[in-house]
C-alpha atoms as a PDB file:
ATOM      1  CA  UNK A   1       0.395  -0.296  -0.197  1.00  0.00           C
ATOM      2  CA  UNK A   2       1.588   3.378  -0.863  1.00  0.00           C
ATOM      3  CA  UNK A   3       2.542   5.695   1.714  1.00  0.00           C
ATOM      4  CA  UNK A   4       2.339   8.898  -0.247  1.00  0.00           C
ATOM      5  CA  UNK A   5      -1.710   8.556  -0.303  1.00  0.00           C
ATOM      6  CA  UNK A   6      -3.535  11.867   0.525  1.00  0.00           C
ATOM      7  CA  UNK A   7      -4.813  12.233   4.118  1.00  0.00           C
ATOM      8  CA  UNK A   8      -7.862  11.616   5.151  1.00  0.00           C
ATOM      9  CA  UNK A   9      -8.688  15.751   5.599  1.00  0.00           C
ATOM     10  CA  UNK A  10      -6.728  18.138   3.519  1.00  0.00           C
ATOM     11  CA  UNK A  11      -3.673  19.978   5.934  1.00  0.00           C
ATOM     12  CA  UNK A  12      -4.889  23.333   5.422  1.00  0.00           C
ATOM     13  CA  UNK A  13      -9.115  22.230   6.332  1.00  0.00           C
ATOM     14  CA  UNK A  14      -7.826  20.562   9.571  1.00  0.00           C
ATOM     15  CA  UNK A  15      -5.901  23.804  10.141  1.00  0.00           C
ATOM     16  CA  UNK A  16      -9.278  25.963   9.949  1.00  0.00           C
ATOM     17  CA  UNK A  17     -11.050  23.763  11.826  1.00  0.00           C
ATOM     18  CA  UNK A  18      -8.875  23.500  14.995  1.00  0.00           C
ATOM     19  CA  UNK A  19      -8.790  27.233  14.759  1.00  0.00           C
ATOM     20  CA  UNK A  20     -12.268  27.371  14.781  1.00  0.00           C
ATOM     21  CA  UNK A  21     -12.786  25.184  17.803  1.00  0.00           C
ATOM     22  CA  UNK A  22     -10.139  27.860  19.622  1.00  0.00           C
ATOM     23  CA  UNK A  23     -12.041  30.914  18.502  1.00  0.00           C
ATOM     24  CA  UNK A  24     -14.030  31.068  21.652  1.00  0.00           C
ATOM     25  CA  UNK A  25     -10.553  31.527  23.975  1.00  0.00           C
ATOM     26  CA  UNK A  26      -9.765  28.169  24.533  1.00  0.00           C
ATOM     27  CA  UNK A  27      -6.207  27.169  24.702  1.00  0.00           C
ATOM     28  CA  UNK A  28      -6.280  23.700  23.270  1.00  0.00           C
ATOM     29  CA  UNK A  29      -8.141  21.836  20.268  1.00  0.00           C
ATOM     30  CA  UNK A  30      -7.769  18.595  18.789  1.00  0.00           C
ATOM     31  CA  UNK A  31      -9.071  16.597  15.965  1.00  0.00           C
ATOM     32  CA  UNK A  32      -9.385  12.533  15.594  1.00  0.00           C
ATOM     33  CA  UNK A  33     -10.776  11.497  12.542  1.00  0.00           C
ATOM     34  CA  UNK A  34     -11.167   7.583  10.742  1.00  0.00           C
ATOM     35  CA  UNK A  35     -12.498   5.818   8.134  1.00  0.00           C
ATOM     36  CA  UNK A  36     -12.902   1.989   8.219  1.00  0.00           C
ATOM     37  CA  UNK A  37     -13.851  -0.189   5.373  1.00  0.00           C
ATOM     38  CA  UNK A  38     -14.126  -3.967   6.183  1.00  0.00           C
ATOM     39  CA  UNK A  39     -15.311  -7.044   4.369  1.00  0.00           C
ATOM     40  CA  UNK A  40     -16.320 -10.275   5.957  1.00  0.00           C
ATOM     41  CA  UNK A  41     -17.879 -13.727   4.629  1.00  0.00           C
ATOM     42  CA  UNK A  42     -18.808 -17.096   5.702  1.00  0.00           C
ATOM     43  CA  UNK A  43     -19.397 -20.635   4.727  1.00  0.00           C
ATOM     44  CA  UNK A  44     -21.549 -23.353   6.215  1.00  0.00           C
ATOM     45  CA  UNK A  45     -22.508 -26.624   5.073  1.00  0.00           C
ATOM     46  CA  UNK A  46     -20.923 -26.302   1.900  1.00  0.00           C
ATOM     47  CA  UNK A  47     -22.927 -22.884   1.169  1.00  0.00           C
ATOM     48  CA  UNK A  48     -21.944 -19.499   1.756  1.00  0.00           C
ATOM     49  CA  UNK A  49     -24.030 -17.854   4.055  1.00  0.00           C
ATOM     50  CA  UNK A  50     -23.054 -14.192   3.573  1.00  0.00           C
ATOM     51  CA  UNK A  51     -20.775 -12.016   1.532  1.00  0.00           C
ATOM     52  CA  UNK A  52     -20.576  -8.456   3.814  1.00  0.00           C
ATOM     53  CA  UNK A  53     -18.990  -4.920   3.113  1.00  0.00           C
ATOM     54  CA  UNK A  54     -19.013  -2.300   5.533  1.00  0.00           C
ATOM     55  CA  UNK A  55     -17.461   1.596   5.886  1.00  0.00           C
ATOM     56  CA  UNK A  56     -17.517   3.418   9.296  1.00  0.00           C
ATOM     57  CA  UNK A  57     -15.968   7.004   9.195  1.00  0.00           C
ATOM     58  CA  UNK A  58     -16.513  10.401  11.447  1.00  0.00           C
ATOM     59  CA  UNK A  59     -13.909  12.706  13.185  1.00  0.00           C
ATOM     60  CA  UNK A  60     -14.274  13.695  16.835  1.00  0.00           C
ATOM     61  CA  UNK A  61     -13.276  17.039  17.969  1.00  0.00           C
ATOM     62  CA  UNK A  62     -12.532  18.043  21.907  1.00  0.00           C
ATOM     63  CA  UNK A  63     -11.913  21.814  22.787  1.00  0.00           C
ATOM     64  CA  UNK A  64     -10.204  22.710  25.891  1.00  0.00           C
ATOM     65  CA  UNK A  65     -11.027  25.803  27.927  1.00  0.00           C
ATOM     66  CA  UNK A  66      -9.400  26.100  31.725  1.00  0.00           C
ATOM     67  CA  UNK A  67     -10.950  23.220  33.426  1.00  0.00           C
ATOM     68  CA  UNK A  68     -13.594  22.751  30.887  1.00  0.00           C
ATOM     69  CA  UNK A  69     -13.762  20.499  28.189  1.00  0.00           C
ATOM     70  CA  UNK A  70     -16.037  20.564  25.014  1.00  0.00           C
ATOM     71  CA  UNK A  71     -16.124  17.625  22.674  1.00  0.00           C
ATOM     72  CA  UNK A  72     -18.294  16.768  19.204  1.00  0.00           C
ATOM     73  CA  UNK A  73     -18.607  14.393  16.784  1.00  0.00           C
ATOM     74  CA  UNK A  74     -19.715  14.266  13.157  1.00  0.00           C
ATOM     75  CA  UNK A  75     -20.222  11.737  10.310  1.00  0.00           C
ATOM     76  CA  UNK A  76     -19.632  14.274   7.778  1.00  0.00           C
ATOM     77  CA  UNK A  77     -15.835  14.726   6.806  1.00  0.00           C
ATOM     78  CA  UNK A  78     -16.590  17.681   4.581  1.00  0.00           C
ATOM     79  CA  UNK A  79     -15.264  21.015   5.704  1.00  0.00           C
ATOM     80  CA  UNK A  80     -18.722  22.742   6.541  1.00  0.00           C
ATOM     81  CA  UNK A  81     -19.302  19.532   8.568  1.00  0.00           C
ATOM     82  CA  UNK A  82     -15.702  19.624  10.703  1.00  0.00           C
ATOM     83  CA  UNK A  83     -16.317  23.233  10.914  1.00  0.00           C
ATOM     84  CA  UNK A  84     -19.470  22.891  12.482  1.00  0.00           C
ATOM     85  CA  UNK A  85     -18.614  20.194  14.764  1.00  0.00           C
ATOM     86  CA  UNK A  86     -15.756  22.344  16.056  1.00  0.00           C
ATOM     87  CA  UNK A  87     -18.148  25.189  16.637  1.00  0.00           C
ATOM     88  CA  UNK A  88     -20.070  22.908  18.857  1.00  0.00           C
ATOM     89  CA  UNK A  89     -17.134  22.025  20.564  1.00  0.00           C
ATOM     90  CA  UNK A  90     -16.071  25.471  21.254  1.00  0.00           C
ATOM     91  CA  UNK A  91     -19.486  26.651  22.483  1.00  0.00           C
ATOM     92  CA  UNK A  92     -19.384  23.735  25.060  1.00  0.00           C
ATOM     93  CA  UNK A  93     -15.636  24.845  26.422  1.00  0.00           C
ATOM     94  CA  UNK A  94     -16.274  28.723  25.851  1.00  0.00           C
ATOM     95  CA  UNK A  95     -13.956  31.156  27.804  1.00  0.00           C
ATOM     96  CA  UNK A  96     -14.966  34.095  25.921  1.00  0.00           C
ATOM     97  CA  UNK A  97     -11.931  35.808  24.080  1.00  0.00           C
ATOM     98  CA  UNK A  98     -13.284  35.709  20.754  1.00  0.00           C
ATOM     99  CA  UNK A  99     -10.118  35.797  18.944  1.00  0.00           C
ATOM    100  CA  UNK A 100      -8.308  34.574  15.660  1.00  0.00           C
ATOM    101  CA  UNK A 101      -5.963  31.920  16.339  1.00  0.00           C
ATOM    102  CA  UNK A 102      -3.718  30.374  13.288  1.00  0.00           C
ATOM    103  CA  UNK A 103      -2.851  26.984  13.324  1.00  0.00           C
ATOM    104  CA  UNK A 104       0.577  26.245  12.057  1.00  0.00           C
ATOM    105  CA  UNK A 105       0.975  22.241  11.630  1.00  0.00           C
ATOM    106  CA  UNK A 106       3.477  20.164  11.376  1.00  0.00           C
ATOM    107  CA  UNK A 107       4.851  18.044   7.960  1.00  0.00           C
ATOM    108  CA  UNK A 108       2.474  14.781   8.550  1.00  0.00           C
ATOM    109  CA  UNK A 109       3.984  12.137   9.994  1.00  0.00           C
ATOM    110  CA  UNK A 110       2.926   8.844   9.335  1.00  0.00           C
ATOM    111  CA  UNK A 111       3.186   5.823  11.371  1.00  0.00           C
ATOM    112  CA  UNK A 112       3.234   2.483   8.910  1.00  0.00           C
ATOM    113  CA  UNK A 113       2.692  -0.704  10.839  1.00  0.00           C
ATOM    114  CA  UNK A 114       4.059  -3.300   8.467  1.00  0.00           C
ATOM    115  CA  UNK A 115       4.534  -3.224   4.758  1.00  0.00           C
ATOM    116  CA  UNK A 116       1.206  -4.422   2.742  1.00  0.00           C
ATOM    117  CA  UNK A 117       2.081  -5.633  -0.927  1.00  0.00           C
ATOM    118  CA  UNK A 118      -1.499  -6.504  -1.483  1.00  0.00           C
ATOM    119  CA  UNK A 119      -4.336  -4.139   0.143  1.00  0.00           C
ATOM    120  CA  UNK A 120      -7.314  -6.542   0.530  1.00  0.00           C
ATOM    121  CA  UNK A 121      -9.860  -3.900  -1.073  1.00  0.00           C
ATOM    122  CA  UNK A 122      -8.125  -4.556  -4.446  1.00  0.00           C
ATOM    123  CA  UNK A 123      -9.201  -8.087  -4.302  1.00  0.00           C
ATOM    124  CA  UNK A 124     -12.441  -9.307  -6.197  1.00  0.00           C
ATOM    125  CA  UNK A 125     -14.902 -10.238  -3.493  1.00  0.00           C
ATOM    126  CA  UNK A 126     -14.959 -13.975  -5.581  1.00  0.00           C
ATOM    127  CA  UNK A 127     -11.404 -14.466  -4.843  1.00  0.00           C
ATOM    128  CA  UNK A 128     -11.986 -14.430  -1.248  1.00  0.00           C
ATOM    129  CA  UNK A 129     -14.955 -16.598  -1.285  1.00  0.00           C
ATOM    130  CA  UNK A 130     -12.962 -18.886  -3.254  1.00  0.00           C
ATOM    131  CA  UNK A 131     -10.330 -19.572  -0.186  1.00  0.00           C
ATOM    132  CA  UNK A 132     -13.360 -20.561   1.859  1.00  0.00           C
ATOM    133  CA  UNK A 133     -14.642 -23.386  -1.002  1.00  0.00           C
ATOM    134  CA  UNK A 134     -11.061 -24.636  -1.244  1.00  0.00           C
ATOM    135  CA  UNK A 135     -10.839 -24.714   2.479  1.00  0.00           C
ATOM    136  CA  UNK A 136     -14.252 -26.753   2.325  1.00  0.00           C
ATOM    137  CA  UNK A 137     -13.110 -29.243  -0.053  1.00  0.00           C
ATOM    138  CA  UNK A 138     -10.106 -29.890   1.391  1.00  0.00           C
ATOM    139  CA  UNK A 139     -11.162 -30.136   5.253  1.00  0.00           C
ATOM    140  CA  UNK A 140     -13.704 -33.050   3.450  1.00  0.00           C
ATOM    141  CA  UNK A 141     -11.322 -34.854   1.428  1.00  0.00           C
ATOM    142  CA  UNK A 142      -9.376 -35.855   4.260  1.00  0.00           C
ATOM    143  CA  UNK A 143     -11.933 -38.332   5.648  1.00  0.00           C
ATOM    144  CA  UNK A 144     -15.936 -38.723   5.124  1.00  0.00           C
ATOM    145  CA  UNK A 145     -16.099 -38.680   8.565  1.00  0.00           C
ATOM    146  CA  UNK A 146     -16.090 -35.101   8.199  1.00  0.00           C
ATOM    147  CA  UNK A 147     -19.054 -33.918   8.637  1.00  0.00           C
ATOM    148  CA  UNK A 148     -19.818 -30.405   8.702  1.00  0.00           C
ATOM    149  CA  UNK A 149     -17.067 -27.459   8.175  1.00  0.00           C
ATOM    150  CA  UNK A 150     -17.463 -23.713   9.133  1.00  0.00           C
ATOM    151  CA  UNK A 151     -14.848 -20.967   7.714  1.00  0.00           C
ATOM    152  CA  UNK A 152     -14.912 -17.877   7.552  1.00  0.00           C
ATOM    153  CA  UNK A 153     -13.145 -14.445   5.929  1.00  0.00           C
ATOM    154  CA  UNK A 154     -12.849 -11.311   7.210  1.00  0.00           C
ATOM    155  CA  UNK A 155     -10.191  -7.964   6.476  1.00  0.00           C
ATOM    156  CA  UNK A 156     -10.002  -4.293   7.403  1.00  0.00           C
ATOM    157  CA  UNK A 157      -8.356  -1.167   6.287  1.00  0.00           C
ATOM    158  CA  UNK A 158      -8.729   1.503   8.935  1.00  0.00           C
ATOM    159  CA  UNK A 159      -6.765   4.808   8.238  1.00  0.00           C
ATOM    160  CA  UNK A 160      -6.467   7.669  11.381  1.00  0.00           C
ATOM    161  CA  UNK A 161      -5.642  11.087  11.460  1.00  0.00           C
ATOM    162  CA  UNK A 162      -4.562  13.344  14.212  1.00  0.00           C
ATOM    163  CA  UNK A 163      -3.946  16.654  14.764  1.00  0.00           C
ATOM    164  CA  UNK A 164      -4.069  19.336  17.391  1.00  0.00           C
ATOM    165  CA  UNK A 165      -3.435  23.152  17.605  1.00  0.00           C
ATOM    166  CA  UNK A 166      -0.068  22.718  18.873  1.00  0.00           C
ATOM    167  CA  UNK A 167       0.932  21.489  15.452  1.00  0.00           C
ATOM    168  CA  UNK A 168       0.679  17.677  15.863  1.00  0.00           C
ATOM    169  CA  UNK A 169      -0.139  16.050  12.488  1.00  0.00           C
ATOM    170  CA  UNK A 170      -0.081  12.138  12.589  1.00  0.00           C
ATOM    171  CA  UNK A 171      -1.458   9.161  10.121  1.00  0.00           C
ATOM    172  CA  UNK A 172      -1.665   6.004  10.082  1.00  0.00           C
ATOM    173  CA  UNK A 173      -2.997   2.628   7.646  1.00  0.00           C
ATOM    174  CA  UNK A 174      -3.803  -0.665   9.760  1.00  0.00           C
ATOM    175  CA  UNK A 175      -4.413  -3.144   7.792  1.00  0.00           C
ATOM    176  CA  UNK A 176      -5.941  -6.698   9.278  1.00  0.00           C
ATOM    177  CA  UNK A 177      -6.558  -9.613   7.528  1.00  0.00           C
ATOM    178  CA  UNK A 178      -7.953 -12.994   9.050  1.00  0.00           C
ATOM    179  CA  UNK A 179      -9.249 -16.474   8.120  1.00  0.00           C
ATOM    180  CA  UNK A 180     -10.621 -19.153  10.020  1.00  0.00           C
ATOM    181  CA  UNK A 181     -12.314 -22.632   9.650  1.00  0.00           C
ATOM    182  CA  UNK A 182     -13.762 -25.335  12.157  1.00  0.00           C
ATOM    183  CA  UNK A 183     -14.515 -28.938  11.174  1.00  0.00           C
ATOM    184  CA  UNK A 184     -16.692 -31.533  12.990  1.00  0.00           C
ATOM    185  CA  UNK A 185     -15.947 -35.075  12.506  1.00  0.00           C
ATOM    186  CA  UNK A 186     -18.878 -37.572  13.653  1.00  0.00           C
ATOM    187  CA  UNK A 187     -18.490 -41.331  15.120  1.00  0.00           C
ATOM    188  CA  UNK A 188     -18.902 -43.562  17.509  1.00  0.00           C
ATOM    189  CA  UNK A 189     -17.538 -41.798  20.010  1.00  0.00           C
ATOM    190  CA  UNK A 190     -19.845 -38.841  19.138  1.00  0.00           C
ATOM    191  CA  UNK A 191     -18.630 -35.559  17.474  1.00  0.00           C
ATOM    192  CA  UNK A 192     -15.815 -33.772  17.761  1.00  0.00           C
ATOM    193  CA  UNK A 193     -14.450 -30.465  16.650  1.00  0.00           C
ATOM    194  CA  UNK A 194     -11.065 -29.287  14.847  1.00  0.00           C
ATOM    195  CA  UNK A 195     -10.319 -25.437  14.340  1.00  0.00           C
ATOM    196  CA  UNK A 196      -7.543 -23.419  13.028  1.00  0.00           C
ATOM    197  CA  UNK A 197      -7.310 -19.562  12.481  1.00  0.00           C
ATOM    198  CA  UNK A 198      -4.627 -17.318  11.117  1.00  0.00           C
ATOM    199  CA  UNK A 199      -4.422 -13.275  11.281  1.00  0.00           C
ATOM    200  CA  UNK A 200      -2.238 -10.579  11.063  1.00  0.00           C
ATOM    201  CA  UNK A 201      -1.861  -7.221  10.577  1.00  0.00           C
ATOM    202  CA  UNK A 202      -1.177  -7.550   6.782  1.00  0.00           C
ATOM    203  CA  UNK A 203      -2.905  -7.771   3.464  1.00  0.00           C
ATOM    204  CA  UNK A 204      -3.844 -10.541   1.076  1.00  0.00           C
ATOM    205  CA  UNK A 205      -0.433 -11.564   0.500  1.00  0.00           C
ATOM    206  CA  UNK A 206      -0.667 -13.535   3.901  1.00  0.00           C
ATOM    207  CA  UNK A 207      -2.411 -16.254   1.591  1.00  0.00           C
ATOM    208  CA  UNK A 208       0.864 -16.284  -0.698  1.00  0.00           C
ATOM    209  CA  UNK A 209       2.483 -16.995   2.417  1.00  0.00           C
ATOM    210  CA  UNK A 210      -0.426 -19.602   4.079  1.00  0.00           C
ATOM    211  CA  UNK A 211      -2.214 -22.431   2.750  1.00  0.00           C
ATOM    212  CA  UNK A 212      -5.489 -22.126   3.381  1.00  0.00           C
ATOM    213  CA  UNK A 213      -5.812 -26.169   2.206  1.00  0.00           C
ATOM    214  CA  UNK A 214      -3.260 -26.565   4.813  1.00  0.00           C
ATOM    215  CA  UNK A 215      -5.004 -24.882   7.374  1.00  0.00           C
ATOM    216  CA  UNK A 216      -8.091 -26.710   6.492  1.00  0.00           C
ATOM    217  CA  UNK A 217      -6.811 -29.998   6.836  1.00  0.00           C
ATOM    218  CA  UNK A 218      -5.333 -29.543  10.301  1.00  0.00           C
ATOM    219  CA  UNK A 219      -8.529 -28.413  11.770  1.00  0.00           C
ATOM    220  CA  UNK A 220      -9.956 -31.564  10.297  1.00  0.00           C
ATOM    221  CA  UNK A 221      -7.115 -33.882  11.627  1.00  0.00           C
ATOM    222  CA  UNK A 222      -7.574 -32.226  14.979  1.00  0.00           C
ATOM    223  CA  UNK A 223     -11.023 -33.177  15.124  1.00  0.00           C
ATOM    224  CA  UNK A 224     -10.014 -36.619  13.668  1.00  0.00           C
ATOM    225  CA  UNK A 225      -7.857 -37.232  16.292  1.00  0.00           C
ATOM    226  CA  UNK A 226     -10.138 -36.760  19.420  1.00  0.00           C
ATOM    227  CA  UNK A 227     -12.917 -38.679  17.744  1.00  0.00           C
ATOM    228  CA  UNK A 228     -10.147 -41.262  17.612  1.00  0.00           C
ATOM    229  CA  UNK A 229      -8.900 -40.920  20.954  1.00  0.00           C
ATOM    230  CA  UNK A 230      -9.560 -43.918  23.363  1.00  0.00           C
ATOM    231  CA  UNK A 231     -12.282 -43.186  26.281  1.00  0.00           C
ATOM    232  CA  UNK A 232     -11.341 -41.944  29.772  1.00  0.00           C
ATOM    233  CA  UNK A 233     -10.074 -45.211  31.801  1.00  0.00           C
ATOM    234  CA  UNK A 234     -13.206 -46.518  33.757  1.00  0.00           C
ATOM    235  CA  UNK A 235     -12.418 -48.137  37.561  1.00  0.00           C
ATOM    236  CA  UNK A 236     -13.371 -51.798  37.574  1.00  0.00           C
ATOM    237  CA  UNK A 237     -12.681 -53.920  40.718  1.00  0.00           C
ATOM    238  CA  UNK A 238     -13.747 -57.043  42.168  1.00  0.00           C
ATOM    239  CA  UNK A 239     -17.068 -57.351  44.347  1.00  0.00           C
ATOM    240  CA  UNK A 240     -16.437 -58.984  47.483  1.00  0.00           C
ATOM    241  CA  UNK A 241     -19.724 -60.940  47.867  1.00  0.00           C
ATOM    242  CA  UNK A 242     -19.186 -62.617  44.531  1.00  0.00           C
ATOM    243  CA  UNK A 243     -15.377 -62.400  43.228  1.00  0.00           C
ATOM    244  CA  UNK A 244     -17.102 -61.502  39.786  1.00  0.00           C
ATOM    245  CA  UNK A 245     -15.338 -58.874  38.242  1.00  0.00           C
ATOM    246  CA  UNK A 246     -17.914 -55.805  37.632  1.00  0.00           C
ATOM    247  CA  UNK A 247     -17.693 -52.342  36.780  1.00  0.00           C
ATOM    248  CA  UNK A 248     -18.266 -49.553  39.479  1.00  0.00           C
ATOM    249  CA  UNK A 249     -19.818 -46.477  39.256  1.00  0.00           C
ATOM    250  CA  UNK A 250     -18.704 -43.830  42.319  1.00  0.00           C
ATOM    251  CA  UNK A 251     -21.847 -42.484  42.761  1.00  0.00           C
ATOM    252  CA  UNK A 252     -24.631 -43.335  44.564  1.00  0.00           C
ATOM    253  CA  UNK A 253     -24.945 -47.051  42.923  1.00  0.00           C
ATOM    254  CA  UNK A 254     -22.787 -49.595  41.335  1.00  0.00           C
ATOM    255  CA  UNK A 255     -24.396 -52.014  38.515  1.00  0.00           C
ATOM    256  CA  UNK A 256     -23.381 -55.463  37.407  1.00  0.00           C
ATOM    257  CA  UNK A 257     -24.668 -55.708  33.468  1.00  0.00           C
ATOM    258  CA  UNK A 258     -28.394 -53.745  33.811  1.00  0.00           C
ATOM    259  CA  UNK A 259     -28.674 -55.051  37.092  1.00  0.00           C
ATOM    260  CA  UNK A 260     -28.072 -52.672  40.028  1.00  0.00           C
ATOM    261  CA  UNK A 261     -26.463 -53.797  43.415  1.00  0.00           C
ATOM    262  CA  UNK A 262     -27.320 -52.999  46.614  1.00  0.00           C
ATOM    263  CA  UNK A 263     -25.297 -49.905  48.300  1.00  0.00           C
ATOM    264  CA  UNK A 264     -23.426 -51.879  50.678  1.00  0.00           C
ATOM    265  CA  UNK A 265     -22.080 -53.853  47.533  1.00  0.00           C
ATOM    266  CA  UNK A 266     -21.090 -50.610  46.139  1.00  0.00           C
ATOM    267  CA  UNK A 267     -19.480 -49.810  49.049  1.00  0.00           C
ATOM    268  CA  UNK A 268     -17.548 -52.631  49.217  1.00  0.00           C
ATOM    269  CA  UNK A 269     -16.653 -53.186  45.790  1.00  0.00           C
ATOM    270  CA  UNK A 270     -15.090 -49.855  46.406  1.00  0.00           C
ATOM    271  CA  UNK A 271     -13.196 -50.630  49.170  1.00  0.00           C
ATOM    272  CA  UNK A 272     -11.696 -53.785  47.638  1.00  0.00           C
ATOM    273  CA  UNK A 273     -10.460 -51.682  44.737  1.00  0.00           C
ATOM    274  CA  UNK A 274      -8.941 -49.353  47.364  1.00  0.00           C
ATOM    275  CA  UNK A 275      -7.068 -52.747  49.112  1.00  0.00           C
ATOM    276  CA  UNK A 276      -6.200 -53.623  45.436  1.00  0.00           C
ATOM    277  CA  UNK A 277      -4.813 -50.481  44.398  1.00  0.00           C
ATOM    278  CA  UNK A 278      -2.466 -50.364  47.792  1.00  0.00           C
ATOM    279  CA  UNK A 279      -1.383 -53.930  46.774  1.00  0.00           C
ATOM    280  CA  UNK A 280      -0.252 -53.022  43.533  1.00  0.00           C
ATOM    281  CA  UNK A 281       1.817 -49.709  44.964  1.00  0.00           C
ATOM    282  CA  UNK A 282       3.015 -52.065  47.455  1.00  0.00           C
END
């Protein structure tokens, strides 16, 4: 992504907005502007359920006069909208000198978090949906026990601008891309789930470095491993009355086959198990 892209608001407009904020005598004015664009897509049960795009943008202006702070916000990033918000914040923090304040902004300072080679907003939605389909096919191809696959894709590009009446003028662009997948395996032991995800402050090139098919198969293998795992060990012991090997349920009753045994026999069974355990340790 180019670091020479124009700022969200023209520097001259920013200066006039900050001056308007100080026009009623305030000693400090500040503006924060944000513009965020996002895309998300989801797949479930072999179907792409949703593909959404959204945009959130707006500005907040803070004015400080003595012990009083005025704040106003707007979604209108035109000069007219920003000046109106600055005037409202100034009136809220009014001190009353009514003077004209000139704001000298420093050169724009950028804070690149990372180097983005492929901005997600330049990639077609069909390409993003294709990632979901590839992951779905890969997870299901591993074993017929995989009965359900759910996958999701998301990206966002957030541009930020901060400036104040002391001359600070700074901007940042934050790009995030993520992918997640879950697979459900069904068998004699019931249903088990595997899950994998990746997410970085990086562009769409993350998928050049990470294979969604491998990610999907890792989730599927996780579910299959849990499905094939041995069940938890269930204690077995000798009943003191019959010397037959019975399975003890250490709740309020124990059973031999399908017939319940008395509480006394259950207690005797438990005692015998403890005795046997002591003998084995010795």
